[in-house]
Amino acid sequence: MSTLPGGYWTDRPDGVPSTVAALVVAVNDATSDAQRPALTPLAPWLASVPVTDAAQTARVVAVSASRAALPLAGAGVVDRLRVEASAAARTVSRGGVAGWWLRRSRRRSAARAVRLAVEVVRGAGGDRGLRDLLVGSLDAWRLAGGLAPVPLLDRPAEDCATELAVRCELRAHPGSDSASVYCTAVLDSWPDWLRHRWVSQQAGEARADFVDVCAR
């Protein structure tokens, strides 16, 4: 995700809400090596970020992921999922330090809810279940932001396996002795479907007809 707009290598790229990033990282890590390439076509849809506030995003993604996992979870896990999803959906009206603490707690509950949901689905639904969980949660998030859902990308992982060219350089931080790896996508070398989607997003276009991205 961090290489789409260009930036420092991180699992928390700018523009992707923390709850969404937590879900994507958890699904990616839980997916088998053989099937992980099938997640690549979802990257452009993360580049087109819906306009939703942090609280709404945490609520929508955590509740969607939890609902997908509930039918597969054991009794004890069901209770934990409900507690974390409810905490992620709570309304915080207080200000000051107390309000900041409650909002922080809400974000952490959302992250715990999606990670727990991923654990449940990995054990019961395998790679396909994990991918369905991710797509369903992205759909809920995008629909809440007024964007079209992610199209069905039902193709074998080997059809989607692609090496994506990235330029990396070590950059020193001003006024500091530390440095970080800065990544830039070499878009001319990327597949048309990914390059075109990113260029369209940069131009402010929300193309609802961007379907079957693995066809090229």
C-alpha atoms as a PDB file:
ATOM      1  CA  MET A   1       0.000   0.000   0.000  1.00  0.00           C
ATOM      2  CA  SER A   2       2.748   2.439   0.884  1.00  0.00           C
ATOM      3  CA  THR A   3       4.290   2.266  -2.589  1.00  0.00           C
ATOM      4  CA  LEU A   4       1.167   3.396  -4.462  1.00  0.00           C
ATOM      5  CA  PRO A   5       1.462   7.107  -3.662  1.00  0.00           C
ATOM      6  CA  GLY A   6       5.169   6.938  -2.905  1.00  0.00           C
ATOM      7  CA  GLY A   7       6.482   7.431   0.588  1.00  0.00           C
ATOM      8  CA  TYR A   8       8.399   5.873   3.417  1.00  0.00           C
ATOM      9  CA  TRP A   9       8.032   2.101   3.651  1.00  0.00           C
ATOM     10  CA  THR A  10       5.425   1.428   6.286  1.00  0.00           C
ATOM     11  CA  ASP A  11       2.419  -0.739   7.072  1.00  0.00           C
ATOM     12  CA  ARG A  12       0.575   2.453   8.030  1.00  0.00           C
ATOM     13  CA  PRO A  13       0.564   4.486   4.819  1.00  0.00           C
ATOM     14  CA  ASP A  14      -0.831   7.999   4.754  1.00  0.00           C
ATOM     15  CA  GLY A  15      -4.411   8.135   3.551  1.00  0.00           C
ATOM     16  CA  VAL A  16      -5.372   4.617   4.647  1.00  0.00           C
ATOM     17  CA  PRO A  17      -7.273   4.615   7.964  1.00  0.00           C
ATOM     18  CA  SER A  18      -5.610   2.659  10.747  1.00  0.00           C
ATOM     19  CA  THR A  19      -8.461   0.152  11.068  1.00  0.00           C
ATOM     20  CA  VAL A  20      -8.376  -0.617   7.341  1.00  0.00           C
ATOM     21  CA  ALA A  21      -4.580  -0.950   7.436  1.00  0.00           C
ATOM     22  CA  ALA A  22      -4.832  -3.308  10.433  1.00  0.00           C
ATOM     23  CA  LEU A  23      -7.325  -5.486   8.551  1.00  0.00           C
ATOM     24  CA  VAL A  24      -5.265  -5.599   5.353  1.00  0.00           C
ATOM     25  CA  VAL A  25      -2.048  -6.446   7.200  1.00  0.00           C
ATOM     26  CA  ALA A  26      -3.768  -9.160   9.234  1.00  0.00           C
ATOM     27  CA  VAL A  27      -5.355 -10.777   6.165  1.00  0.00           C
ATOM     28  CA  ASN A  28      -2.106 -10.562   4.203  1.00  0.00           C
ATOM     29  CA  ASP A  29      -0.124 -12.195   7.018  1.00  0.00           C
ATOM     30  CA  ALA A  30      -2.717 -14.926   7.543  1.00  0.00           C
ATOM     31  CA  THR A  31      -3.030 -15.836   3.853  1.00  0.00           C
ATOM     32  CA  SER A  32      -0.875 -18.670   2.545  1.00  0.00           C
ATOM     33  CA  ASP A  33       2.149 -17.871   0.377  1.00  0.00           C
ATOM     34  CA  ALA A  34       0.526 -19.605  -2.600  1.00  0.00           C
ATOM     35  CA  GLN A  35      -2.651 -17.517  -2.449  1.00  0.00           C
ATOM     36  CA  ARG A  36      -1.237 -14.150  -1.337  1.00  0.00           C
ATOM     37  CA  PRO A  37      -0.794 -12.897  -4.945  1.00  0.00           C
ATOM     38  CA  ALA A  38      -4.581 -13.051  -5.341  1.00  0.00           C
ATOM     39  CA  LEU A  39      -4.806 -10.097  -2.943  1.00  0.00           C
ATOM     40  CA  THR A  40      -2.734  -7.839  -5.230  1.00  0.00           C
ATOM     41  CA  PRO A  41      -5.697  -6.677  -7.391  1.00  0.00           C
ATOM     42  CA  LEU A  42      -7.302  -5.157  -4.301  1.00  0.00           C
ATOM     43  CA  ALA A  43      -4.492  -2.601  -3.899  1.00  0.00           C
ATOM     44  CA  PRO A  44      -5.952   0.014  -6.295  1.00  0.00           C
ATOM     45  CA  TRP A  45      -9.182   0.067  -4.324  1.00  0.00           C
ATOM     46  CA  LEU A  46      -7.242   1.016  -1.217  1.00  0.00           C
ATOM     47  CA  ALA A  47      -5.708   3.878  -3.155  1.00  0.00           C
ATOM     48  CA  SER A  48      -9.173   5.333  -3.720  1.00  0.00           C
ATOM     49  CA  VAL A  49      -9.955   6.343  -0.170  1.00  0.00           C
ATOM     50  CA  PRO A  50     -13.575   7.115   0.786  1.00  0.00           C
ATOM     51  CA  VAL A  51     -14.206  10.331   2.660  1.00  0.00           C
ATOM     52  CA  THR A  52     -15.170   8.992   6.078  1.00  0.00           C
ATOM     53  CA  ASP A  53     -14.085  10.109   9.504  1.00  0.00           C
ATOM     54  CA  ALA A  54     -11.966   7.872  11.703  1.00  0.00           C
ATOM     55  CA  ALA A  55     -14.834   6.921  14.006  1.00  0.00           C
ATOM     56  CA  GLN A  56     -17.105   5.905  11.140  1.00  0.00           C
ATOM     57  CA  THR A  57     -14.347   3.905   9.479  1.00  0.00           C
ATOM     58  CA  ALA A  58     -13.478   2.060  12.684  1.00  0.00           C
ATOM     59  CA  ARG A  59     -17.125   1.274  13.318  1.00  0.00           C
ATOM     60  CA  VAL A  60     -17.963   0.106   9.794  1.00  0.00           C
ATOM     61  CA  VAL A  61     -14.860  -2.045   9.283  1.00  0.00           C
ATOM     62  CA  ALA A  62     -14.841  -3.585  12.766  1.00  0.00           C
ATOM     63  CA  VAL A  63     -18.549  -4.416  12.686  1.00  0.00           C
ATOM     64  CA  SER A  64     -18.367  -5.823   9.145  1.00  0.00           C
ATOM     65  CA  ALA A  65     -15.385  -8.056   9.937  1.00  0.00           C
ATOM     66  CA  SER A  66     -16.940  -9.216  13.213  1.00  0.00           C
ATOM     67  CA  ARG A  67     -20.241 -10.109  11.554  1.00  0.00           C
ATOM     68  CA  ALA A  68     -18.403 -12.212   8.984  1.00  0.00           C
ATOM     69  CA  ALA A  69     -16.576 -14.105  11.729  1.00  0.00           C
ATOM     70  CA  LEU A  70     -19.424 -14.584  14.213  1.00  0.00           C
ATOM     71  CA  PRO A  71     -21.035 -17.632  12.501  1.00  0.00           C
ATOM     72  CA  LEU A  72     -17.639 -19.376  12.530  1.00  0.00           C
ATOM     73  CA  ALA A  73     -16.577 -18.501  16.068  1.00  0.00           C
ATOM     74  CA  GLY A  74     -16.822 -20.536  19.245  1.00  0.00           C
ATOM     75  CA  ALA A  75     -18.865 -19.345  22.208  1.00  0.00           C
ATOM     76  CA  GLY A  76     -16.020 -17.611  24.030  1.00  0.00           C
ATOM     77  CA  VAL A  77     -14.760 -15.887  20.911  1.00  0.00           C
ATOM     78  CA  VAL A  78     -18.268 -14.711  20.008  1.00  0.00           C
ATOM     79  CA  ASP A  79     -18.420 -12.767  23.251  1.00  0.00           C
ATOM     80  CA  ARG A  80     -15.005 -11.216  22.647  1.00  0.00           C
ATOM     81  CA  LEU A  81     -15.941 -10.207  19.103  1.00  0.00           C
ATOM     82  CA  ARG A  82     -19.134  -8.565  20.296  1.00  0.00           C
ATOM     83  CA  VAL A  83     -17.369  -6.691  23.071  1.00  0.00           C
ATOM     84  CA  GLU A  84     -14.643  -5.329  20.790  1.00  0.00           C
ATOM     85  CA  ALA A  85     -17.044  -4.450  17.963  1.00  0.00           C
ATOM     86  CA  SER A  86     -19.369  -2.681  20.390  1.00  0.00           C
ATOM     87  CA  ALA A  87     -16.455  -0.731  21.848  1.00  0.00           C
ATOM     88  CA  ALA A  88     -15.313   0.237  18.328  1.00  0.00           C
ATOM     89  CA  ALA A  89     -18.802   1.543  17.546  1.00  0.00           C
ATOM     90  CA  ARG A  90     -19.231   3.614  20.692  1.00  0.00           C
ATOM     91  CA  THR A  91     -19.887   7.333  20.403  1.00  0.00           C
ATOM     92  CA  VAL A  92     -17.411   9.629  22.152  1.00  0.00           C
ATOM     93  CA  SER A  93     -18.784  13.073  22.969  1.00  0.00           C
ATOM     94  CA  ARG A  94     -16.376  14.046  25.735  1.00  0.00           C
ATOM     95  CA  GLY A  95     -13.493  16.422  25.125  1.00  0.00           C
ATOM     96  CA  GLY A  96     -10.113  16.898  26.707  1.00  0.00           C
ATOM     97  CA  VAL A  97      -7.911  14.099  27.956  1.00  0.00           C
ATOM     98  CA  ALA A  98     -10.855  11.822  28.786  1.00  0.00           C
ATOM     99  CA  GLY A  99     -12.219  12.143  25.248  1.00  0.00           C
ATOM    100  CA  TRP A 100      -8.802  11.515  23.726  1.00  0.00           C
ATOM    101  CA  TRP A 101      -8.388   8.392  25.826  1.00  0.00           C
ATOM    102  CA  LEU A 102     -11.805   7.057  24.834  1.00  0.00           C
ATOM    103  CA  ARG A 103     -11.134   7.660  21.142  1.00  0.00           C
ATOM    104  CA  ARG A 104      -7.778   5.903  21.470  1.00  0.00           C
ATOM    105  CA  SER A 105      -9.491   3.002  23.206  1.00  0.00           C
ATOM    106  CA  ARG A 106     -12.062   2.873  20.418  1.00  0.00           C
ATOM    107  CA  ARG A 107      -9.349   2.604  17.741  1.00  0.00           C
ATOM    108  CA  ARG A 108      -7.617  -0.169  19.668  1.00  0.00           C
ATOM    109  CA  SER A 109     -10.876  -2.077  20.066  1.00  0.00           C
ATOM    110  CA  ALA A 110     -11.465  -1.807  16.318  1.00  0.00           C
ATOM    111  CA  ALA A 111      -7.978  -3.178  15.599  1.00  0.00           C
ATOM    112  CA  ARG A 112      -8.486  -6.039  18.068  1.00  0.00           C
ATOM    113  CA  ALA A 113     -11.868  -6.841  16.523  1.00  0.00           C
ATOM    114  CA  VAL A 114     -10.498  -7.134  12.981  1.00  0.00           C
ATOM    115  CA  ARG A 115      -7.471  -9.177  14.077  1.00  0.00           C
ATOM    116  CA  LEU A 116      -9.690 -11.540  16.034  1.00  0.00           C
ATOM    117  CA  ALA A 117     -12.068 -11.854  13.091  1.00  0.00           C
ATOM    118  CA  VAL A 118      -9.146 -12.735  10.828  1.00  0.00           C
ATOM    119  CA  GLU A 119      -7.958 -15.431  13.253  1.00  0.00           C
ATOM    120  CA  VAL A 120     -11.428 -16.990  13.322  1.00  0.00           C
ATOM    121  CA  VAL A 121     -11.868 -16.934   9.550  1.00  0.00           C
ATOM    122  CA  ARG A 122      -8.383 -18.298   8.893  1.00  0.00           C
ATOM    123  CA  GLY A 123      -9.153 -21.331  11.039  1.00  0.00           C
ATOM    124  CA  ALA A 124     -12.586 -21.999   9.553  1.00  0.00           C
ATOM    125  CA  GLY A 125     -12.592 -20.524   6.056  1.00  0.00           C
ATOM    126  CA  GLY A 126      -8.989 -20.633   4.910  1.00  0.00           C
ATOM    127  CA  ASP A 127      -7.617 -18.390   2.176  1.00  0.00           C
ATOM    128  CA  ARG A 128     -10.913 -17.960   0.365  1.00  0.00           C
ATOM    129  CA  GLY A 129     -12.662 -16.996   3.572  1.00  0.00           C
ATOM    130  CA  LEU A 130      -9.950 -14.455   4.374  1.00  0.00           C
ATOM    131  CA  ARG A 131     -10.260 -12.867   0.936  1.00  0.00           C
ATOM    132  CA  ASP A 132     -14.048 -12.717   1.218  1.00  0.00           C
ATOM    133  CA  LEU A 133     -13.702 -11.123   4.662  1.00  0.00           C
ATOM    134  CA  LEU A 134     -11.371  -8.462   3.282  1.00  0.00           C
ATOM    135  CA  VAL A 135     -13.524  -7.688   0.242  1.00  0.00           C
ATOM    136  CA  GLY A 136     -16.692  -7.542   2.338  1.00  0.00           C
ATOM    137  CA  SER A 137     -15.139  -5.130   4.813  1.00  0.00           C
ATOM    138  CA  LEU A 138     -13.719  -2.949   2.037  1.00  0.00           C
ATOM    139  CA  ASP A 139     -17.156  -2.892   0.422  1.00  0.00           C
ATOM    140  CA  ALA A 140     -18.785  -1.762   3.656  1.00  0.00           C
ATOM    141  CA  TRP A 141     -16.171   0.970   4.076  1.00  0.00           C
ATOM    142  CA  ARG A 142     -16.431   2.166   0.473  1.00  0.00           C
ATOM    143  CA  LEU A 143     -20.233   2.153   0.471  1.00  0.00           C
ATOM    144  CA  ALA A 144     -20.220   4.225   3.660  1.00  0.00           C
ATOM    145  CA  GLY A 145     -18.067   6.743   1.783  1.00  0.00           C
ATOM    146  CA  GLY A 146     -20.334   6.825  -1.261  1.00  0.00           C
ATOM    147  CA  LEU A 147     -18.095   4.729  -3.539  1.00  0.00           C
ATOM    148  CA  ALA A 148     -18.924   1.653  -5.590  1.00  0.00           C
ATOM    149  CA  PRO A 149     -18.125  -1.753  -4.073  1.00  0.00           C
ATOM    150  CA  VAL A 150     -15.054  -3.726  -5.066  1.00  0.00           C
ATOM    151  CA  PRO A 151     -15.843  -5.831  -8.161  1.00  0.00           C
ATOM    152  CA  LEU A 152     -15.659  -9.594  -7.886  1.00  0.00           C
ATOM    153  CA  LEU A 153     -12.163 -10.702  -8.859  1.00  0.00           C
ATOM    154  CA  ASP A 154     -12.622 -14.443  -8.922  1.00  0.00           C
ATOM    155  CA  ARG A 155      -9.417 -15.550 -10.630  1.00  0.00           C
ATOM    156  CA  PRO A 156      -6.704 -18.009  -9.608  1.00  0.00           C
ATOM    157  CA  ALA A 157      -3.795 -16.566  -7.702  1.00  0.00           C
ATOM    158  CA  GLU A 158      -1.381 -17.550 -10.467  1.00  0.00           C
ATOM    159  CA  ASP A 159      -3.235 -15.278 -12.891  1.00  0.00           C
ATOM    160  CA  CYS A 160      -2.652 -12.321 -10.586  1.00  0.00           C
ATOM    161  CA  ALA A 161       0.939 -12.988  -9.578  1.00  0.00           C
ATOM    162  CA  THR A 162       2.934  -9.954 -10.643  1.00  0.00           C
ATOM    163  CA  GLU A 163       6.254  -8.407  -9.737  1.00  0.00           C
ATOM    164  CA  LEU A 164       5.805  -4.704  -9.150  1.00  0.00           C
ATOM    165  CA  ALA A 165       8.782  -2.446  -9.801  1.00  0.00           C
ATOM    166  CA  VAL A 166       9.627  -0.105  -6.926  1.00  0.00           C
ATOM    167  CA  ARG A 167      12.526   2.321  -6.549  1.00  0.00           C
ATOM    168  CA  CYS A 168      13.898   2.496  -3.019  1.00  0.00           C
ATOM    169  CA  GLU A 169      16.364   4.947  -1.541  1.00  0.00           C
ATOM    170  CA  LEU A 170      17.662   5.681   1.922  1.00  0.00           C
ATOM    171  CA  ARG A 171      16.723   9.190   3.068  1.00  0.00           C
ATOM    172  CA  ALA A 172      18.062  10.943   6.132  1.00  0.00           C
ATOM    173  CA  HIS A 173      15.586  12.813   8.308  1.00  0.00           C
ATOM    174  CA  PRO A 174      16.361  16.554   8.606  1.00  0.00           C
ATOM    175  CA  GLY A 175      17.962  17.387  11.931  1.00  0.00           C
ATOM    176  CA  SER A 176      18.334  13.748  12.871  1.00  0.00           C
ATOM    177  CA  ASP A 177      20.892  10.984  12.616  1.00  0.00           C
ATOM    178  CA  SER A 178      18.230   8.471  11.588  1.00  0.00           C
ATOM    179  CA  ALA A 179      17.198   7.453   8.085  1.00  0.00           C
ATOM    180  CA  SER A 180      14.337   5.540   6.479  1.00  0.00           C
ATOM    181  CA  VAL A 181      13.686   3.707   3.240  1.00  0.00           C
ATOM    182  CA  TYR A 182      11.657   5.821   0.799  1.00  0.00           C
ATOM    183  CA  CYS A 183       9.773   3.941  -1.919  1.00  0.00           C
ATOM    184  CA  THR A 184       8.420   5.174  -5.224  1.00  0.00           C
ATOM    185  CA  ALA A 185       6.392   3.087  -7.638  1.00  0.00           C
ATOM    186  CA  VAL A 186       7.974   2.811 -11.084  1.00  0.00           C
ATOM    187  CA  LEU A 187       4.585   3.200 -12.715  1.00  0.00           C
ATOM    188  CA  ASP A 188       5.800   2.771 -16.293  1.00  0.00           C
ATOM    189  CA  SER A 189       6.723  -0.795 -15.387  1.00  0.00           C
ATOM    190  CA  TRP A 190       3.514  -1.612 -13.531  1.00  0.00           C
ATOM    191  CA  PRO A 191       0.548  -3.462 -15.079  1.00  0.00           C
ATOM    192  CA  ASP A 192      -1.938  -1.243 -16.896  1.00  0.00           C
ATOM    193  CA  TRP A 193      -4.754  -2.033 -14.479  1.00  0.00           C
ATOM    194  CA  LEU A 194      -2.777  -0.853 -11.468  1.00  0.00           C
ATOM    195  CA  ARG A 195      -1.126   2.148 -13.105  1.00  0.00           C
ATOM    196  CA  HIS A 196      -4.347   3.408 -14.663  1.00  0.00           C
ATOM    197  CA  ARG A 197      -6.270   3.006 -11.426  1.00  0.00           C
ATOM    198  CA  TRP A 198      -3.749   5.028  -9.490  1.00  0.00           C
ATOM    199  CA  VAL A 199      -3.538   7.766 -12.133  1.00  0.00           C
ATOM    200  CA  SER A 200      -7.338   8.003 -12.197  1.00  0.00           C
ATOM    201  CA  GLN A 201      -7.476   8.298  -8.425  1.00  0.00           C
ATOM    202  CA  GLN A 202      -4.847  11.024  -8.471  1.00  0.00           C
ATOM    203  CA  ALA A 203      -6.961  12.927 -10.994  1.00  0.00           C
ATOM    204  CA  GLY A 204      -9.954  12.691  -8.685  1.00  0.00           C
ATOM    205  CA  GLU A 205     -11.866  10.242 -10.855  1.00  0.00           C
ATOM    206  CA  ALA A 206     -13.976   7.543  -9.204  1.00  0.00           C
ATOM    207  CA  ARG A 207     -14.370   5.000 -11.992  1.00  0.00           C
ATOM    208  CA  ALA A 208     -17.134   2.567 -11.158  1.00  0.00           C
ATOM    209  CA  ASP A 209     -16.459   0.570 -14.334  1.00  0.00           C
ATOM    210  CA  PHE A 210     -12.978  -0.578 -13.275  1.00  0.00           C
ATOM    211  CA  VAL A 211     -13.697  -4.285 -13.398  1.00  0.00           C
ATOM    212  CA  ASP A 212     -11.706  -7.436 -14.098  1.00  0.00           C
ATOM    213  CA  VAL A 213      -8.330  -5.950 -13.352  1.00  0.00           C
ATOM    214  CA  CYS A 214      -6.531  -9.239 -13.919  1.00  0.00           C
ATOM    215  CA  ALA A 215      -7.615  -9.493 -17.548  1.00  0.00           C
ATOM    216  CA  ARG A 216      -4.530  -7.687 -18.873  1.00  0.00           C
END
